[in-house]
């Protein structure tokens, strides 16, 4: 979920965290059922909404830390790869532990 955006970075909320990865839904790219990545949920040719388009989930390493924090990472999004990503991990993130 996109929280904030400016010219240098975007701020997103993590959906899930585990021992290996932090997961978040990208606000810029959509995946369709054949695996292609699009910059919009609308088909370019027909301009109609593509029913199979869902927000693509990106993942970055968690370093085994399951506690709440803000992580800053370089984006590897094919659509919006020029901005840094700040990922908010809080008590609503699946897998996040409350206290250290």
PDB file of N, CA and C in Angstrom:
ATOM      1  N   UNK A   1       0.837  -1.166   0.000  1.00  0.00           N
ATOM      2  CA  UNK A   1       0.000   0.000   0.000  1.00  0.00           C
ATOM      3  C   UNK A   1       0.893   1.243   0.000  1.00  0.00           C
ATOM      4  N   UNK A   2       0.632   2.139  -0.921  1.00  0.00           N
ATOM      5  CA  UNK A   2       1.388   3.382  -1.027  1.00  0.00           C
ATOM      6  C   UNK A   2       0.961   4.339   0.078  1.00  0.00           C
ATOM      7  N   UNK A   3       1.930   4.835   0.839  1.00  0.00           N
ATOM      8  CA  UNK A   3       1.665   5.770   1.934  1.00  0.00           C
ATOM      9  C   UNK A   3       2.010   7.196   1.504  1.00  0.00           C
ATOM     10  N   UNK A   4       3.175   7.339   0.872  1.00  0.00           N
ATOM     11  CA  UNK A   4       3.667   8.661   0.496  1.00  0.00           C
ATOM     12  C   UNK A   4       4.585   8.508  -0.710  1.00  0.00           C
ATOM     13  N   UNK A   5       4.703   9.588  -1.486  1.00  0.00           N
ATOM     14  CA  UNK A   5       5.591   9.576  -2.644  1.00  0.00           C
ATOM     15  C   UNK A   5       6.156  10.973  -2.848  1.00  0.00           C
ATOM     16  N   UNK A   6       7.431  11.040  -3.197  1.00  0.00           N
ATOM     17  CA  UNK A   6       8.031  12.296  -3.633  1.00  0.00           C
ATOM     18  C   UNK A   6       9.031  11.973  -4.747  1.00  0.00           C
ATOM     19  N   UNK A   7       9.857  12.924  -5.132  1.00  0.00           N
ATOM     20  CA  UNK A   7      10.772  12.715  -6.260  1.00  0.00           C
ATOM     21  C   UNK A   7      11.884  11.716  -5.959  1.00  0.00           C
ATOM     22  N   UNK A   8      12.252  11.552  -4.685  1.00  0.00           N
ATOM     23  CA  UNK A   8      13.375  10.692  -4.322  1.00  0.00           C
ATOM     24  C   UNK A   8      12.967   9.285  -3.920  1.00  0.00           C
ATOM     25  N   UNK A   9      11.832   9.133  -3.259  1.00  0.00           N
ATOM     26  CA  UNK A   9      11.460   7.819  -2.734  1.00  0.00           C
ATOM     27  C   UNK A   9       9.946   7.673  -2.623  1.00  0.00           C
ATOM     28  N   UNK A  10       9.524   6.415  -2.402  1.00  0.00           N
ATOM     29  CA  UNK A  10       8.134   6.134  -2.070  1.00  0.00           C
ATOM     30  C   UNK A  10       8.121   5.456  -0.699  1.00  0.00           C
ATOM     31  N   UNK A  11       7.015   5.596   0.007  1.00  0.00           N
ATOM     32  CA  UNK A  11       6.833   4.935   1.294  1.00  0.00           C
ATOM     33  C   UNK A  11       5.670   3.956   1.136  1.00  0.00           C
ATOM     34  N   UNK A  12       5.936   2.687   1.440  1.00  0.00           N
ATOM     35  CA  UNK A  12       4.909   1.653   1.336  1.00  0.00           C
ATOM     36  C   UNK A  12       4.798   0.908   2.662  1.00  0.00           C
ATOM     37  N   UNK A  13       3.677   0.236   2.848  1.00  0.00           N
ATOM     38  CA  UNK A  13       3.453  -0.584   4.036  1.00  0.00           C
ATOM     39  C   UNK A  13       3.690  -2.042   3.677  1.00  0.00           C
ATOM     40  N   UNK A  14       4.452  -2.741   4.495  1.00  0.00           N
ATOM     41  CA  UNK A  14       4.711  -4.165   4.269  1.00  0.00           C
ATOM     42  C   UNK A  14       3.448  -4.966   4.553  1.00  0.00           C
ATOM     43  N   UNK A  15       3.167  -5.947   3.682  1.00  0.00           N
ATOM     44  CA  UNK A  15       2.024  -6.856   3.892  1.00  0.00           C
ATOM     45  C   UNK A  15       2.407  -7.965   4.850  1.00  0.00           C
ATOM     46  N   UNK A  16       3.648  -8.445   4.715  1.00  0.00           N
ATOM     47  CA  UNK A  16       4.076  -9.648   5.433  1.00  0.00           C
ATOM     48  C   UNK A  16       5.586  -9.592   5.633  1.00  0.00           C
ATOM     49  N   UNK A  17       6.050 -10.257   6.692  1.00  0.00           N
ATOM     50  CA  UNK A  17       7.485 -10.403   6.932  1.00  0.00           C
ATOM     51  C   UNK A  17       7.725 -11.819   7.447  1.00  0.00           C
ATOM     52  N   UNK A  18       8.847 -12.416   7.034  1.00  0.00           N
ATOM     53  CA  UNK A  18       9.248 -13.717   7.578  1.00  0.00           C
ATOM     54  C   UNK A  18      10.759 -13.715   7.766  1.00  0.00           C
ATOM     55  N   UNK A  19      11.329 -14.853   8.091  1.00  0.00           N
ATOM     56  CA  UNK A  19      12.770 -14.941   8.370  1.00  0.00           C
ATOM     57  C   UNK A  19      13.637 -14.514   7.181  1.00  0.00           C
ATOM     58  N   UNK A  20      13.120 -14.634   5.974  1.00  0.00           N
ATOM     59  CA  UNK A  20      13.909 -14.303   4.781  1.00  0.00           C
ATOM     60  C   UNK A  20      13.533 -12.972   4.132  1.00  0.00           C
ATOM     61  N   UNK A  21      12.218 -12.679   4.033  1.00  0.00           N
ATOM     62  CA  UNK A  21      11.782 -11.564   3.198  1.00  0.00           C
ATOM     63  C   UNK A  21      10.787 -10.627   3.868  1.00  0.00           C
ATOM     64  N   UNK A  22      10.756  -9.404   3.327  1.00  0.00           N
ATOM     65  CA  UNK A  22       9.724  -8.410   3.587  1.00  0.00           C
ATOM     66  C   UNK A  22       8.935  -8.311   2.277  1.00  0.00           C
ATOM     67  N   UNK A  23       7.614  -8.430   2.357  1.00  0.00           N
ATOM     68  CA  UNK A  23       6.767  -8.394   1.165  1.00  0.00           C
ATOM     69  C   UNK A  23       5.910  -7.134   1.172  1.00  0.00           C
ATOM     70  N   UNK A  24       5.771  -6.504  -0.002  1.00  0.00           N
ATOM     71  CA  UNK A  24       4.847  -5.371  -0.123  1.00  0.00           C
ATOM     72  C   UNK A  24       4.270  -5.328  -1.530  1.00  0.00           C
ATOM     73  N   UNK A  25       3.068  -4.777  -1.636  1.00  0.00           N
ATOM     74  CA  UNK A  25       2.440  -4.641  -2.946  1.00  0.00           C
ATOM     75  C   UNK A  25       2.925  -3.364  -3.594  1.00  0.00           C
ATOM     76  N   UNK A  26       3.397  -3.505  -4.831  1.00  0.00           N
ATOM     77  CA  UNK A  26       3.913  -2.361  -5.569  1.00  0.00           C
ATOM     78  C   UNK A  26       2.755  -1.516  -6.096  1.00  0.00           C
ATOM     79  N   UNK A  27       2.792  -0.200  -5.864  1.00  0.00           N
ATOM     80  CA  UNK A  27       1.717   0.648  -6.378  1.00  0.00           C
ATOM     81  C   UNK A  27       1.848   0.957  -7.866  1.00  0.00           C
ATOM     82  N   UNK A  28       2.948   0.517  -8.501  1.00  0.00           N
ATOM     83  CA  UNK A  28       3.218   0.879  -9.895  1.00  0.00           C
ATOM     84  C   UNK A  28       3.064  -0.243 -10.907  1.00  0.00           C
ATOM     85  N   UNK A  29       3.221  -1.496 -10.491  1.00  0.00           N
ATOM     86  CA  UNK A  29       3.180  -2.559 -11.492  1.00  0.00           C
ATOM     87  C   UNK A  29       2.127  -3.610 -11.155  1.00  0.00           C
ATOM     88  N   UNK A  30       1.578  -4.174 -12.197  1.00  0.00           N
ATOM     89  CA  UNK A  30       0.495  -5.154 -12.093  1.00  0.00           C
ATOM     90  C   UNK A  30       0.908  -6.405 -12.845  1.00  0.00           C
ATOM     91  N   UNK A  31       0.594  -7.546 -12.273  1.00  0.00           N
ATOM     92  CA  UNK A  31       0.911  -8.826 -12.902  1.00  0.00           C
ATOM     93  C   UNK A  31      -0.388  -9.423 -13.436  1.00  0.00           C
ATOM     94  N   UNK A  32      -0.328  -9.952 -14.665  1.00  0.00           N
ATOM     95  CA  UNK A  32      -1.500 -10.619 -15.224  1.00  0.00           C
ATOM     96  C   UNK A  32      -1.245 -12.115 -15.250  1.00  0.00           C
ATOM     97  N   UNK A  33      -2.293 -12.901 -15.542  1.00  0.00           N
ATOM     98  CA  UNK A  33      -2.207 -14.350 -15.372  1.00  0.00           C
ATOM     99  C   UNK A  33      -1.169 -15.040 -16.252  1.00  0.00           C
ATOM    100  N   UNK A  34      -0.678 -14.401 -17.302  1.00  0.00           N
ATOM    101  CA  UNK A  34       0.385 -15.026 -18.098  1.00  0.00           C
ATOM    102  C   UNK A  34       1.779 -14.645 -17.595  1.00  0.00           C
ATOM    103  N   UNK A  35       1.843 -13.912 -16.466  1.00  0.00           N
ATOM    104  CA  UNK A  35       3.123 -13.562 -15.857  1.00  0.00           C
ATOM    105  C   UNK A  35       3.695 -12.230 -16.299  1.00  0.00           C
ATOM    106  N   UNK A  36       3.105 -11.603 -17.301  1.00  0.00           N
ATOM    107  CA  UNK A  36       3.607 -10.307 -17.767  1.00  0.00           C
ATOM    108  C   UNK A  36       3.374  -9.233 -16.718  1.00  0.00           C
ATOM    109  N   UNK A  37       4.268  -8.244 -16.683  1.00  0.00           N
ATOM    110  CA  UNK A  37       4.159  -7.110 -15.770  1.00  0.00           C
ATOM    111  C   UNK A  37       3.715  -5.898 -16.583  1.00  0.00           C
ATOM    112  N   UNK A  38       2.676  -5.228 -16.111  1.00  0.00           N
ATOM    113  CA  UNK A  38       2.134  -4.051 -16.788  1.00  0.00           C
ATOM    114  C   UNK A  38       2.248  -2.834 -15.872  1.00  0.00           C
ATOM    115  N   UNK A  39       2.198  -1.633 -16.471  1.00  0.00           N
ATOM    116  CA  UNK A  39       2.232  -0.408 -15.665  1.00  0.00           C
ATOM    117  C   UNK A  39       0.834   0.094 -15.312  1.00  0.00           C
ATOM    118  N   UNK A  40      -0.196  -0.665 -15.715  1.00  0.00           N
ATOM    119  CA  UNK A  40      -1.577  -0.290 -15.457  1.00  0.00           C
ATOM    120  C   UNK A  40      -2.437  -1.547 -15.496  1.00  0.00           C
ATOM    121  N   UNK A  41      -3.559  -1.567 -14.778  1.00  0.00           N
ATOM    122  CA  UNK A  41      -4.447  -2.729 -14.857  1.00  0.00           C
ATOM    123  C   UNK A  41      -5.324  -2.717 -16.112  1.00  0.00           C
ATOM    124  N   UNK A  42      -5.098  -1.756 -17.003  1.00  0.00           N
ATOM    125  CA  UNK A  42      -5.881  -1.644 -18.231  1.00  0.00           C
ATOM    126  C   UNK A  42      -5.061  -2.118 -19.428  1.00  0.00           C
ATOM    127  N   UNK A  43      -5.695  -2.844 -20.326  1.00  0.00           N
ATOM    128  CA  UNK A  43      -5.028  -3.327 -21.536  1.00  0.00           C
ATOM    129  C   UNK A  43      -4.694  -2.150 -22.440  1.00  0.00           C
ATOM    130  N   UNK A  44      -3.489  -2.138 -22.990  1.00  0.00           N
ATOM    131  CA  UNK A  44      -3.054  -1.030 -23.838  1.00  0.00           C
ATOM    132  C   UNK A  44      -3.848  -0.946 -25.138  1.00  0.00           C
ATOM    133  N   UNK A  45      -4.141  -2.091 -25.752  1.00  0.00           N
ATOM    134  CA  UNK A  45      -4.840  -2.093 -27.042  1.00  0.00           C
ATOM    135  C   UNK A  45      -6.314  -1.718 -26.906  1.00  0.00           C
ATOM    136  N   UNK A  46      -7.005  -2.379 -25.989  1.00  0.00           N
ATOM    137  CA  UNK A  46      -8.457  -2.190 -25.879  1.00  0.00           C
ATOM    138  C   UNK A  46      -8.850  -1.109 -24.890  1.00  0.00           C
ATOM    139  N   UNK A  47      -7.938  -0.710 -24.024  1.00  0.00           N
ATOM    140  CA  UNK A  47      -8.189   0.274 -22.960  1.00  0.00           C
ATOM    141  C   UNK A  47      -9.235  -0.216 -21.962  1.00  0.00           C
ATOM    142  N   UNK A  48      -9.505  -1.521 -21.960  1.00  0.00           N
ATOM    143  CA  UNK A  48     -10.460  -2.098 -21.023  1.00  0.00           C
ATOM    144  C   UNK A  48      -9.713  -2.668 -19.832  1.00  0.00           C
ATOM    145  N   UNK A  49     -10.405  -2.730 -18.706  1.00  0.00           N
ATOM    146  CA  UNK A  49      -9.822  -3.254 -17.481  1.00  0.00           C
ATOM    147  C   UNK A  49      -9.500  -4.741 -17.645  1.00  0.00           C
ATOM    148  N   UNK A  50      -8.308  -5.133 -17.272  1.00  0.00           N
ATOM    149  CA  UNK A  50      -7.880  -6.533 -17.353  1.00  0.00           C
ATOM    150  C   UNK A  50      -8.236  -7.213 -16.034  1.00  0.00           C
ATOM    151  N   UNK A  51      -9.192  -8.128 -16.064  1.00  0.00           N
ATOM    152  CA  UNK A  51      -9.697  -8.749 -14.842  1.00  0.00           C
ATOM    153  C   UNK A  51      -8.638  -9.541 -14.088  1.00  0.00           C
ATOM    154  N   UNK A  52      -7.641 -10.057 -14.798  1.00  0.00           N
ATOM    155  CA  UNK A  52      -6.626 -10.871 -14.119  1.00  0.00           C
ATOM    156  C   UNK A  52      -5.486 -10.032 -13.529  1.00  0.00           C
ATOM    157  N   UNK A  53      -5.495  -8.712 -13.762  1.00  0.00           N
ATOM    158  CA  UNK A  53      -4.411  -7.856 -13.269  1.00  0.00           C
ATOM    159  C   UNK A  53      -4.513  -7.658 -11.761  1.00  0.00           C
ATOM    160  N   UNK A  54      -3.424  -7.958 -11.060  1.00  0.00           N
ATOM    161  CA  UNK A  54      -3.335  -7.732  -9.622  1.00  0.00           C
ATOM    162  C   UNK A  54      -2.035  -6.983  -9.333  1.00  0.00           C
ATOM    163  N   UNK A  55      -2.044  -6.225  -8.256  1.00  0.00           N
ATOM    164  CA  UNK A  55      -0.814  -5.515  -7.893  1.00  0.00           C
ATOM    165  C   UNK A  55       0.283  -6.536  -7.649  1.00  0.00           C
ATOM    166  N   UNK A  56       1.427  -6.285  -8.228  1.00  0.00           N
ATOM    167  CA  UNK A  56       2.565  -7.186  -8.093  1.00  0.00           C
ATOM    168  C   UNK A  56       3.179  -7.051  -6.700  1.00  0.00           C
ATOM    169  N   UNK A  57       3.600  -8.166  -6.130  1.00  0.00           N
ATOM    170  CA  UNK A  57       4.253  -8.159  -4.825  1.00  0.00           C
ATOM    171  C   UNK A  57       5.764  -8.217  -5.010  1.00  0.00           C
ATOM    172  N   UNK A  58       6.460  -7.265  -4.409  1.00  0.00           N
ATOM    173  CA  UNK A  58       7.920  -7.267  -4.407  1.00  0.00           C
ATOM    174  C   UNK A  58       8.399  -7.776  -3.059  1.00  0.00           C
ATOM    175  N   UNK A  59       9.617  -8.274  -3.007  1.00  0.00           N
ATOM    176  CA  UNK A  59      10.176  -8.717  -1.733  1.00  0.00           C
ATOM    177  C   UNK A  59      11.635  -8.298  -1.638  1.00  0.00           C
ATOM    178  N   UNK A  60      12.042  -7.994  -0.426  1.00  0.00           N
ATOM    179  CA  UNK A  60      13.417  -7.640  -0.097  1.00  0.00           C
ATOM    180  C   UNK A  60      13.807  -8.453   1.129  1.00  0.00           C
ATOM    181  N   UNK A  61      15.076  -8.689   1.315  1.00  0.00           N
ATOM    182  CA  UNK A  61      15.556  -9.456   2.456  1.00  0.00           C
ATOM    183  C   UNK A  61      15.212  -8.813   3.785  1.00  0.00           C
ATOM    184  N   UNK A  62      14.818  -9.642   4.752  1.00  0.00           N
ATOM    185  CA  UNK A  62      14.455  -9.129   6.077  1.00  0.00           C
ATOM    186  C   UNK A  62      15.613  -9.204   7.070  1.00  0.00           C
ATOM    187  N   UNK A  63      16.641  -9.979   6.754  1.00  0.00           N
ATOM    188  CA  UNK A  63      17.762 -10.138   7.664  1.00  0.00           C
ATOM    189  C   UNK A  63      17.398 -10.889   8.931  1.00  0.00           C
ATOM    190  N   UNK A  64      16.254 -11.590   8.906  1.00  0.00           N
ATOM    191  CA  UNK A  64      15.830 -12.352  10.076  1.00  0.00           C
ATOM    192  C   UNK A  64      15.216 -11.511  11.190  1.00  0.00           C
ATOM    193  N   UNK A  65      15.134 -10.187  10.995  1.00  0.00           N
ATOM    194  CA  UNK A  65      14.579  -9.281  12.002  1.00  0.00           C
ATOM    195  C   UNK A  65      13.075  -9.161  11.777  1.00  0.00           C
ATOM    196  N   UNK A  66      12.271  -9.660  12.698  1.00  0.00           N
ATOM    197  CA  UNK A  66      10.824  -9.670  12.544  1.00  0.00           C
ATOM    198  C   UNK A  66      10.118  -8.568  13.324  1.00  0.00           C
ATOM    199  N   UNK A  67      10.876  -7.599  13.822  1.00  0.00           N
ATOM    200  CA  UNK A  67      10.292  -6.535  14.633  1.00  0.00           C
ATOM    201  C   UNK A  67       9.989  -5.295  13.791  1.00  0.00           C
ATOM    202  N   UNK A  68       9.081  -4.448  14.298  1.00  0.00           N
ATOM    203  CA  UNK A  68       8.664  -3.245  13.597  1.00  0.00           C
ATOM    204  C   UNK A  68       9.814  -2.270  13.371  1.00  0.00           C
ATOM    205  N   UNK A  69       9.790  -1.656  12.211  1.00  0.00           N
ATOM    206  CA  UNK A  69      10.828  -0.680  11.841  1.00  0.00           C
ATOM    207  C   UNK A  69      10.509  -0.095  10.474  1.00  0.00           C
ATOM    208  N   UNK A  70      11.362   0.795   9.985  1.00  0.00           N
ATOM    209  CA  UNK A  70      11.277   1.297   8.618  1.00  0.00           C
ATOM    210  C   UNK A  70      12.569   0.903   7.917  1.00  0.00           C
ATOM    211  N   UNK A  71      12.442   0.192   6.818  1.00  0.00           N
ATOM    212  CA  UNK A  71      13.589  -0.231   6.009  1.00  0.00           C
ATOM    213  C   UNK A  71      13.656   0.629   4.756  1.00  0.00           C
ATOM    214  N   UNK A  72      14.850   1.019   4.343  1.00  0.00           N
ATOM    215  CA  UNK A  72      15.019   1.751   3.097  1.00  0.00           C
ATOM    216  C   UNK A  72      15.800   0.875   2.127  1.00  0.00           C
ATOM    217  N   UNK A  73      15.265   0.688   0.948  1.00  0.00           N
ATOM    218  CA  UNK A  73      15.864  -0.200  -0.044  1.00  0.00           C
ATOM    219  C   UNK A  73      15.855   0.442  -1.427  1.00  0.00           C
ATOM    220  N   UNK A  74      16.699  -0.089  -2.301  1.00  0.00           N
ATOM    221  CA  UNK A  74      16.701   0.300  -3.710  1.00  0.00           C
ATOM    222  C   UNK A  74      15.616  -0.519  -4.400  1.00  0.00           C
ATOM    223  N   UNK A  75      14.782   0.149  -5.170  1.00  0.00           N
ATOM    224  CA  UNK A  75      13.694  -0.544  -5.851  1.00  0.00           C
ATOM    225  C   UNK A  75      14.231  -1.431  -6.963  1.00  0.00           C
ATOM    226  N   UNK A  76      13.613  -2.581  -7.149  1.00  0.00           N
ATOM    227  CA  UNK A  76      13.926  -3.419  -8.309  1.00  0.00           C
ATOM    228  C   UNK A  76      12.692  -3.582  -9.196  1.00  0.00           C
ATOM    229  N   UNK A  77      11.769  -2.637  -9.073  1.00  0.00           N
ATOM    230  CA  UNK A  77      10.558  -2.613  -9.880  1.00  0.00           C
ATOM    231  C   UNK A  77      10.914  -2.285 -11.330  1.00  0.00           C
ATOM    232  N   UNK A  78      10.351  -3.035 -12.264  1.00  0.00           N
ATOM    233  CA  UNK A  78      10.619  -2.796 -13.682  1.00  0.00           C
ATOM    234  C   UNK A  78       9.951  -1.520 -14.183  1.00  0.00           C
ATOM    235  N   UNK A  79       8.904  -1.095 -13.516  1.00  0.00           N
ATOM    236  CA  UNK A  79       8.163   0.096 -13.931  1.00  0.00           C
ATOM    237  C   UNK A  79       8.733   1.355 -13.273  1.00  0.00           C
ATOM    238  N   UNK A  80       8.964   1.312 -11.971  1.00  0.00           N
ATOM    239  CA  UNK A  80       9.429   2.486 -11.234  1.00  0.00           C
ATOM    240  C   UNK A  80      10.728   2.159 -10.506  1.00  0.00           C
ATOM    241  N   UNK A  81      11.787   1.973 -11.238  1.00  0.00           N
ATOM    242  CA  UNK A  81      13.064   1.542 -10.662  1.00  0.00           C
ATOM    243  C   UNK A  81      13.977   2.696 -10.274  1.00  0.00           C
ATOM    244  N   UNK A  82      13.557   3.914 -10.469  1.00  0.00           N
ATOM    245  CA  UNK A  82      14.435   5.052 -10.207  1.00  0.00           C
ATOM    246  C   UNK A  82      14.333   5.587  -8.782  1.00  0.00           C
ATOM    247  N   UNK A  83      13.292   5.192  -8.041  1.00  0.00           N
ATOM    248  CA  UNK A  83      13.088   5.729  -6.699  1.00  0.00           C
ATOM    249  C   UNK A  83      13.455   4.706  -5.634  1.00  0.00           C
ATOM    250  N   UNK A  84      13.959   5.210  -4.508  1.00  0.00           N
ATOM    251  CA  UNK A  84      14.193   4.373  -3.333  1.00  0.00           C
ATOM    252  C   UNK A  84      12.842   4.009  -2.732  1.00  0.00           C
ATOM    253  N   UNK A  85      12.817   2.932  -1.951  1.00  0.00           N
ATOM    254  CA  UNK A  85      11.591   2.478  -1.301  1.00  0.00           C
ATOM    255  C   UNK A  85      11.809   2.456   0.207  1.00  0.00           C
ATOM    256  N   UNK A  86      10.925   3.125   0.944  1.00  0.00           N
ATOM    257  CA  UNK A  86      10.921   3.028   2.402  1.00  0.00           C
ATOM    258  C   UNK A  86       9.749   2.116   2.751  1.00  0.00           C
ATOM    259  N   UNK A  87      10.038   1.034   3.474  1.00  0.00           N
ATOM    260  CA  UNK A  87       9.037   0.031   3.787  1.00  0.00           C
ATOM    261  C   UNK A  87       8.730   0.100   5.280  1.00  0.00           C
ATOM    262  N   UNK A  88       7.478   0.356   5.607  1.00  0.00           N
ATOM    263  CA  UNK A  88       7.046   0.423   7.004  1.00  0.00           C
ATOM    264  C   UNK A  88       6.604  -0.971   7.441  1.00  0.00           C
ATOM    265  N   UNK A  89       7.238  -1.456   8.510  1.00  0.00           N
ATOM    266  CA  UNK A  89       6.874  -2.741   9.114  1.00  0.00           C
ATOM    267  C   UNK A  89       6.341  -2.402  10.507  1.00  0.00           C
ATOM    268  N   UNK A  90       5.055  -2.708  10.739  1.00  0.00           N
ATOM    269  CA  UNK A  90       4.461  -2.381  12.035  1.00  0.00           C
ATOM    270  C   UNK A  90       3.599  -3.532  12.534  1.00  0.00           C
ATOM    271  N   UNK A  91       2.837  -3.299  13.608  1.00  0.00           N
ATOM    272  CA  UNK A  91       2.060  -4.364  14.232  1.00  0.00           C
ATOM    273  C   UNK A  91       0.964  -4.930  13.341  1.00  0.00           C
ATOM    274  N   UNK A  92       0.604  -4.226  12.265  1.00  0.00           N
ATOM    275  CA  UNK A  92      -0.406  -4.754  11.345  1.00  0.00           C
ATOM    276  C   UNK A  92       0.203  -5.618  10.244  1.00  0.00           C
ATOM    277  N   UNK A  93       1.532  -5.654  10.163  1.00  0.00           N
ATOM    278  CA  UNK A  93       2.226  -6.487   9.181  1.00  0.00           C
ATOM    279  C   UNK A  93       2.168  -7.948   9.636  1.00  0.00           C
ATOM    280  N   UNK A  94       1.721  -8.835   8.755  1.00  0.00           N
ATOM    281  CA  UNK A  94       1.639 -10.268   9.087  1.00  0.00           C
ATOM    282  C   UNK A  94       3.046 -10.787   9.394  1.00  0.00           C
ATOM    283  N   UNK A  95       3.209 -11.424  10.542  1.00  0.00           N
ATOM    284  CA  UNK A  95       4.493 -11.981  10.958  1.00  0.00           C
ATOM    285  C   UNK A  95       5.346 -11.069  11.811  1.00  0.00           C
ATOM    286  N   UNK A  96       4.930  -9.815  11.982  1.00  0.00           N
ATOM    287  CA  UNK A  96       5.708  -8.869  12.781  1.00  0.00           C
ATOM    288  C   UNK A  96       5.521  -9.161  14.263  1.00  0.00           C
ATOM    289  N   UNK A  97       6.636  -9.200  15.007  1.00  0.00           N
ATOM    290  CA  UNK A  97       6.588  -9.411  16.446  1.00  0.00           C
ATOM    291  C   UNK A  97       6.448  -8.057  17.143  1.00  0.00           C
ATOM    292  N   UNK A  98       5.785  -8.050  18.271  1.00  0.00           N
ATOM    293  CA  UNK A  98       5.463  -6.798  18.966  1.00  0.00           C
ATOM    294  C   UNK A  98       6.661  -6.160  19.661  1.00  0.00           C
ATOM    295  N   UNK A  99       7.428  -6.942  20.423  1.00  0.00           N
ATOM    296  CA  UNK A  99       8.533  -6.383  21.212  1.00  0.00           C
ATOM    297  C   UNK A  99       9.791  -7.219  21.047  1.00  0.00           C
ATOM    298  N   UNK A 100      10.931  -6.566  21.236  1.00  0.00           N
ATOM    299  CA  UNK A 100      12.220  -7.281  21.177  1.00  0.00           C
ATOM    300  C   UNK A 100      12.509  -7.973  22.472  1.00  0.00           C
TER     301      UNK A 100
END
